[in-house]
Structure formats: structure tokens, C-alpha cells
Amino acid sequence: MGTSLTPEFWERFAVLLVAAMGVTFVLTAVFDALAVRLLRRRVQRPSAQAPSRPQATGHRESVRC
């Protein structure tokens, strides 16, 4: 016994599809903004706490193996 797809089914399907697309769009925007914020924080921190480089001298030290 087969069932037919009624107009009510298609209406509910369309509503749920649009709702799912909307939720997906909003969540993607939220997570994207969060990722950008975390990356900006990460970039700013190391530059403020970067260790100072040793002073350059006129000669280079030899490397021993």
C-alpha cells in the first residue's frame, strides 16, 4: 500500500527546509565571527610578549657538530 505526498506534506517540508537553512546561516555567521575574534586575539598576543633578539655583533660564531 503506497502513500501519496499530500499538499500538507509539501507545505510542511518547505517550511522546515527554510527553517533549517536559516538556522544554518545564523550558526555559520556566529561561528565565523567567533573564529575571527579568536584569530585576532591570537595575533595580537605574541607580538606584545615576543622575546627580544640578541644584539647583532660583527662576527658569526662557528657551529660545532
C-alpha atoms as a PDB file:
ATOM      1  CA  MET A   1       0.000   0.000   0.000  1.00  0.00           C
ATOM      2  CA  GLY A   2       1.650   3.242  -1.146  1.00  0.00           C
ATOM      3  CA  THR A   3       1.138   6.655   0.318  1.00  0.00           C
ATOM      4  CA  SER A   4       0.757   9.811  -1.693  1.00  0.00           C
ATOM      5  CA  LEU A   5       2.563  13.012  -0.851  1.00  0.00           C
ATOM      6  CA  THR A   6      -0.164  15.461   0.078  1.00  0.00           C
ATOM      7  CA  PRO A   7      -0.060  19.241  -0.282  1.00  0.00           C
ATOM      8  CA  GLU A   8       0.167  19.444   3.515  1.00  0.00           C
ATOM      9  CA  PHE A   9       3.366  17.382   3.398  1.00  0.00           C
ATOM     10  CA  TRP A  10       4.946  19.670   0.801  1.00  0.00           C
ATOM     11  CA  GLU A  11       3.961  22.772   2.763  1.00  0.00           C
ATOM     12  CA  ARG A  12       5.474  21.400   5.971  1.00  0.00           C
ATOM     13  CA  PHE A  13       8.546  20.237   4.039  1.00  0.00           C
ATOM     14  CA  ALA A  14       9.071  23.721   2.579  1.00  0.00           C
ATOM     15  CA  VAL A  15       8.682  25.397   5.985  1.00  0.00           C
ATOM     16  CA  LEU A  16      11.127  23.019   7.642  1.00  0.00           C
ATOM     17  CA  LEU A  17      13.614  23.361   4.790  1.00  0.00           C
ATOM     18  CA  VAL A  18      13.575  27.169   5.012  1.00  0.00           C
ATOM     19  CA  ALA A  19      13.889  26.999   8.807  1.00  0.00           C
ATOM     20  CA  ALA A  20      16.859  24.635   8.569  1.00  0.00           C
ATOM     21  CA  MET A  21      18.557  26.895   6.038  1.00  0.00           C
ATOM     22  CA  GLY A  22      18.003  29.913   8.289  1.00  0.00           C
ATOM     23  CA  VAL A  23      19.454  28.148  11.329  1.00  0.00           C
ATOM     24  CA  THR A  24      22.438  27.013   9.277  1.00  0.00           C
ATOM     25  CA  PHE A  25      23.070  30.552   8.020  1.00  0.00           C
ATOM     26  CA  VAL A  26      22.867  32.071  11.515  1.00  0.00           C
ATOM     27  CA  LEU A  27      25.111  29.439  13.112  1.00  0.00           C
ATOM     28  CA  THR A  28      27.674  29.816  10.329  1.00  0.00           C
ATOM     29  CA  ALA A  29      27.779  33.591  10.849  1.00  0.00           C
ATOM     30  CA  VAL A  30      28.147  33.201  14.625  1.00  0.00           C
ATOM     31  CA  PHE A  31      30.957  30.644  14.403  1.00  0.00           C
ATOM     32  CA  ASP A  32      32.717  32.664  11.708  1.00  0.00           C
ATOM     33  CA  ALA A  33      32.641  35.797  13.890  1.00  0.00           C
ATOM     34  CA  LEU A  34      33.933  33.772  16.838  1.00  0.00           C
ATOM     35  CA  ALA A  35      36.794  32.344  14.775  1.00  0.00           C
ATOM     36  CA  VAL A  36      37.790  35.798  13.506  1.00  0.00           C
ATOM     37  CA  ARG A  37      37.745  37.170  17.063  1.00  0.00           C
ATOM     38  CA  LEU A  38      39.929  34.319  18.334  1.00  0.00           C
ATOM     39  CA  LEU A  39      42.402  34.727  15.464  1.00  0.00           C
ATOM     40  CA  ARG A  40      42.705  38.478  16.078  1.00  0.00           C
ATOM     41  CA  ARG A  41      43.389  37.865  19.765  1.00  0.00           C
ATOM     42  CA  ARG A  42      45.990  35.230  18.980  1.00  0.00           C
ATOM     43  CA  VAL A  43      47.794  37.537  16.543  1.00  0.00           C
ATOM     44  CA  GLN A  44      47.928  40.447  18.997  1.00  0.00           C
ATOM     45  CA  ARG A  45      49.281  38.488  21.991  1.00  0.00           C
ATOM     46  CA  PRO A  46      52.617  37.131  20.694  1.00  0.00           C
ATOM     47  CA  SER A  47      53.774  40.498  19.351  1.00  0.00           C
ATOM     48  CA  ALA A  48      53.440  42.080  22.804  1.00  0.00           C
ATOM     49  CA  GLN A  49      55.279  39.230  24.563  1.00  0.00           C
ATOM     50  CA  ALA A  50      57.862  38.436  21.899  1.00  0.00           C
ATOM     51  CA  PRO A  51      61.305  37.787  23.359  1.00  0.00           C
ATOM     52  CA  SER A  52      63.977  40.255  22.454  1.00  0.00           C
ATOM     53  CA  ARG A  53      66.535  39.152  19.896  1.00  0.00           C
ATOM     54  CA  PRO A  54      70.189  39.090  20.861  1.00  0.00           C
ATOM     55  CA  GLN A  55      72.235  42.068  19.779  1.00  0.00           C
ATOM     56  CA  ALA A  56      73.918  41.632  16.428  1.00  0.00           C
ATOM     57  CA  THR A  57      77.703  41.513  16.558  1.00  0.00           C
ATOM     58  CA  GLY A  58      80.267  41.974  13.852  1.00  0.00           C
ATOM     59  CA  HIS A  59      81.169  38.273  13.709  1.00  0.00           C
ATOM     60  CA  ARG A  60      79.399  34.932  13.476  1.00  0.00           C
ATOM     61  CA  GLU A  61      80.062  32.080  15.852  1.00  0.00           C
ATOM     62  CA  SER A  62      81.219  28.781  14.424  1.00  0.00           C
ATOM     63  CA  VAL A  63      78.911  25.807  14.619  1.00  0.00           C
ATOM     64  CA  ARG A  64      80.359  22.619  16.070  1.00  0.00           C
ATOM     65  CA  CYS A  65      78.826  19.230  15.380  1.00  0.00           C
END
